Amino acid sequence: MKILHIDSSLQGNTSTSSKIATKLIEKLDVENAQQQQITYRDLNVSQVPHLTDAIFNAFHTPESERSIEQQAAAAVSDELIDEISGSDILIIAVPMYNFGVPSTLKAWIDHIARAGKTFTYTAEGPKPLLKMPKTYVIATRGGMHANTPADTQAPWLEQVLKFVGVQEVEFIFVEGVAMHSADDVLINADTRINQLLSA
């Protein structure tokens, strides 16, 4: 089983979201009894360039016509897409910053949601090109926002992931992080993971 683990917190692998993602990976290993191959990407360390006009133009220039600079720009996106397409499960650890996702995760999304690579336009509308069975999103928040108008993060993530071909997006909401002790937060998350994997 090949797992792609994406961390997007400013705190990297010491963050609550990353710790819970690691716990999920451990439990998936027990659940599936398969040897895991884990690809780990900390977006706070290996930062993906934010989308610019030059990068956007590189995406839309035929490969044979790209300049050296455009080839380099497209290569970053190609690598990220290859990581996804080569995985069985995608796990995204994402905190809520000002009711949205970290800008590093938005940059990652902008590189993997790419016309002609992960989706295409048809007469019937957009069609996803990736085929990934499942994604888990560890969504940590300081307050309580799930299933309220304040949560614009989860609906957007689900929409864009399914747009490129993720068949199922499972959210593990870890809320009230600023309101409860770290131990209580991790215990509650562990309970949620157990419920999810036993369903």
Protein backbone atom coordinates (compact mmCIF):
# COMPACT_ATOMS: atom_id res chain seq x y z
CA MET A 1 0.00 0.00 0.00
CA LYS A 2 1.47 3.31 -1.09
CA ILE A 3 0.56 6.32 1.02
CA LEU A 4 1.20 9.98 0.22
CA HIS A 5 1.28 12.09 3.40
CA ILE A 6 1.03 15.86 2.95
CA ASP A 7 1.67 18.20 5.90
CA SER A 8 0.66 21.84 5.51
CA SER A 9 0.97 23.24 9.04
CA LEU A 10 3.56 25.90 9.82
CA GLN A 11 4.69 23.57 12.59
CA GLY A 12 5.41 20.67 10.24
CA ASN A 13 5.58 17.21 11.76
CA THR A 14 5.30 18.59 15.31
CA SER A 15 1.81 19.93 14.61
CA THR A 16 -1.38 18.38 15.93
CA SER A 17 -2.59 17.63 12.40
CA SER A 18 0.64 15.83 11.49
CA LYS A 19 0.67 13.79 14.70
CA ILE A 20 -2.88 12.62 14.01
CA ALA A 21 -2.02 11.83 10.38
CA THR A 22 0.87 9.69 11.62
CA LYS A 23 -1.49 7.89 14.00
CA LEU A 24 -3.87 7.23 11.12
CA ILE A 25 -1.04 5.76 9.03
CA GLU A 26 -0.08 3.44 11.90
CA LYS A 27 -3.67 2.22 12.23
CA LEU A 28 -4.03 1.75 8.47
CA ASP A 29 -0.95 -0.47 8.60
CA VAL A 30 -2.57 -2.65 11.27
CA GLU A 31 -5.93 -2.60 9.50
CA ASN A 32 -4.59 -3.64 6.10
CA ALA A 33 -1.69 -5.83 7.26
CA GLN A 34 0.32 -4.74 4.23
CA GLN A 35 3.78 -3.34 3.93
CA GLN A 36 3.50 0.41 3.50
CA GLN A 37 5.48 2.69 1.24
CA ILE A 38 5.12 6.23 2.53
CA THR A 39 5.98 9.37 0.59
CA TYR A 40 6.12 12.36 2.92
CA ARG A 41 5.97 15.99 1.84
CA ASP A 42 6.11 18.85 4.34
CA LEU A 43 4.89 21.89 2.41
CA ASN A 44 6.46 24.19 4.98
CA VAL A 45 9.90 22.76 4.13
CA SER A 46 9.68 21.78 0.46
CA GLN A 47 7.60 24.78 -0.49
CA VAL A 48 5.71 24.69 -3.77
CA PRO A 49 5.90 27.99 -5.70
CA HIS A 50 2.72 30.01 -5.60
CA LEU A 51 1.03 30.24 -8.97
CA THR A 52 2.29 33.04 -11.22
CA ASP A 53 1.53 34.08 -14.76
CA ALA A 54 4.81 32.49 -15.90
CA ILE A 55 4.00 29.16 -14.24
CA PHE A 56 0.44 29.20 -15.56
CA ASN A 57 1.71 29.84 -19.09
CA ALA A 58 4.19 26.98 -18.73
CA PHE A 59 1.33 24.62 -17.92
CA HIS A 60 -0.51 25.66 -21.07
CA THR A 61 2.46 25.64 -23.44
CA PRO A 62 2.92 22.38 -25.39
CA GLU A 63 5.82 20.41 -23.92
CA SER A 64 7.85 20.55 -27.13
CA GLU A 65 7.59 24.34 -27.23
CA ARG A 66 8.51 25.16 -23.62
CA SER A 67 11.51 27.29 -22.78
CA ILE A 68 14.06 26.02 -20.26
CA GLU A 69 12.37 28.11 -17.57
CA GLN A 70 8.95 26.73 -18.51
CA GLN A 71 10.28 23.17 -18.44
CA ALA A 72 11.53 23.73 -14.89
CA ALA A 73 8.21 25.24 -13.81
CA ALA A 74 6.18 22.36 -15.26
CA ALA A 75 8.56 19.78 -13.77
CA VAL A 76 7.55 20.81 -10.24
CA SER A 77 3.90 20.21 -11.06
CA ASP A 78 4.69 16.94 -12.85
CA GLU A 79 6.53 15.63 -9.78
CA LEU A 80 3.63 16.46 -7.46
CA ILE A 81 1.12 14.82 -9.80
CA ASP A 82 3.32 11.72 -10.11
CA GLU A 83 3.36 11.44 -6.31
CA ILE A 84 -0.44 11.39 -6.25
CA SER A 85 -0.96 9.07 -9.21
CA GLY A 86 1.55 6.62 -7.77
CA SER A 87 -0.25 6.37 -4.43
CA ASP A 88 -3.14 4.26 -3.19
CA ILE A 89 -4.13 6.61 -0.38
CA LEU A 90 -3.63 10.34 0.06
CA ILE A 91 -3.53 11.81 3.57
CA ILE A 92 -3.63 15.59 3.92
CA ALA A 93 -2.99 17.16 7.33
CA VAL A 94 -4.43 20.66 7.27
CA PRO A 95 -5.01 23.26 9.98
CA MET A 96 -7.55 26.03 9.53
CA TYR A 97 -5.94 29.45 9.14
CA ASN A 98 -8.38 32.37 9.05
CA PHE A 99 -11.19 30.03 7.93
CA GLY A 100 -9.18 28.69 4.99
CA VAL A 101 -6.28 26.40 4.13
CA PRO A 102 -2.61 27.38 4.50
CA SER A 103 -1.32 29.18 1.41
CA THR A 104 1.25 26.41 0.94
CA LEU A 105 -1.56 23.88 0.49
CA LYS A 106 -3.35 26.20 -1.92
CA ALA A 107 -0.13 26.39 -3.96
CA TRP A 108 0.08 22.57 -3.96
CA ILE A 109 -3.53 22.34 -5.17
CA ASP A 110 -2.81 24.87 -7.92
CA HIS A 111 -0.01 22.62 -9.18
CA ILE A 112 -1.97 19.36 -9.09
CA ALA A 113 -5.28 20.66 -10.48
CA ARG A 114 -4.02 21.03 -14.03
CA ALA A 115 -5.93 20.92 -17.29
CA GLY A 116 -4.72 18.15 -19.56
CA LYS A 117 -2.94 16.35 -16.70
CA THR A 118 -5.43 15.76 -13.89
CA PHE A 119 -8.64 16.91 -15.56
CA THR A 120 -9.85 17.72 -19.03
CA TYR A 121 -12.70 19.67 -20.55
CA THR A 122 -15.24 17.76 -22.65
CA ALA A 123 -18.52 18.60 -24.36
CA GLU A 124 -20.27 17.28 -21.26
CA GLY A 125 -18.13 19.34 -18.90
CA PRO A 126 -14.92 18.77 -16.93
CA LYS A 127 -13.72 15.17 -16.55
CA PRO A 128 -11.21 13.99 -13.91
CA LEU A 129 -8.13 12.13 -15.13
CA LEU A 130 -6.71 10.84 -11.84
CA LYS A 131 -7.96 7.61 -10.32
CA MET A 132 -7.35 7.64 -6.59
CA PRO A 133 -9.67 5.52 -4.42
CA LYS A 134 -9.49 7.45 -1.18
CA THR A 135 -8.22 10.55 0.57
CA TYR A 136 -8.23 11.25 4.29
CA VAL A 137 -8.17 14.89 5.38
CA ILE A 138 -7.09 15.59 8.96
CA ALA A 139 -8.72 18.98 9.55
CA THR A 140 -7.63 20.67 12.77
CA ARG A 141 -9.30 23.84 14.02
CA GLY A 142 -8.94 26.01 17.09
CA GLY A 143 -12.71 26.45 17.33
CA MET A 144 -15.82 24.51 16.33
CA HIS A 145 -16.62 25.01 12.65
CA ALA A 146 -17.55 21.69 11.00
CA ASN A 147 -20.91 21.68 9.23
CA THR A 148 -21.44 25.40 9.80
CA PRO A 149 -21.34 28.33 7.34
CA ALA A 150 -17.93 29.21 8.82
CA ASP A 151 -16.42 26.07 7.32
CA THR A 152 -15.51 27.01 3.78
CA GLN A 153 -12.38 24.85 4.00
CA ALA A 154 -13.80 21.32 3.92
CA PRO A 155 -16.34 21.84 1.08
CA TRP A 156 -13.66 23.47 -1.09
CA LEU A 157 -11.13 20.70 -0.46
CA GLU A 158 -13.69 18.00 -1.23
CA GLN A 159 -14.76 19.77 -4.41
CA VAL A 160 -11.26 20.26 -5.81
CA LEU A 161 -10.06 16.76 -4.88
CA LYS A 162 -13.05 15.09 -6.52
CA PHE A 163 -12.65 17.42 -9.50
CA VAL A 164 -9.28 15.82 -10.30
CA GLY A 165 -10.41 12.25 -9.64
CA VAL A 166 -10.39 11.37 -5.94
CA GLN A 167 -13.34 9.03 -5.56
CA GLU A 168 -13.90 9.39 -1.82
CA VAL A 169 -12.83 12.12 0.60
CA GLU A 170 -13.07 11.26 4.30
CA PHE A 171 -12.69 14.10 6.79
CA ILE A 172 -11.40 13.61 10.31
CA PHE A 173 -12.38 16.84 12.04
CA VAL A 174 -10.26 17.70 15.06
CA GLU A 175 -11.92 20.76 16.54
CA GLY A 176 -11.60 22.85 19.67
CA VAL A 177 -7.81 22.52 19.67
CA ALA A 178 -7.54 25.93 21.35
CA MET A 179 -10.27 25.00 23.85
CA HIS A 180 -9.07 21.61 25.12
CA SER A 181 -5.85 20.03 26.33
CA ALA A 182 -3.52 18.47 23.77
CA ASP A 183 -4.08 15.04 25.35
CA ASP A 184 -7.86 15.34 25.07
CA VAL A 185 -7.59 16.45 21.45
CA LEU A 186 -5.44 13.43 20.54
CA ILE A 187 -7.71 11.02 22.44
CA ASN A 188 -10.80 12.34 20.65
CA ALA A 189 -9.04 12.08 17.29
CA ASP A 190 -7.97 8.52 18.06
CA THR A 191 -11.58 7.62 18.83
CA ARG A 192 -12.74 9.14 15.54
CA ILE A 193 -10.09 7.21 13.58
CA ASN A 194 -11.11 3.94 15.24
CA GLN A 195 -14.77 4.58 14.38
CA LEU A 196 -13.87 5.40 10.80
CA LEU A 197 -11.75 2.32 10.22
CA SER A 198 -14.23 -0.03 11.86
CA ALA A 199 -17.19 1.21 9.81
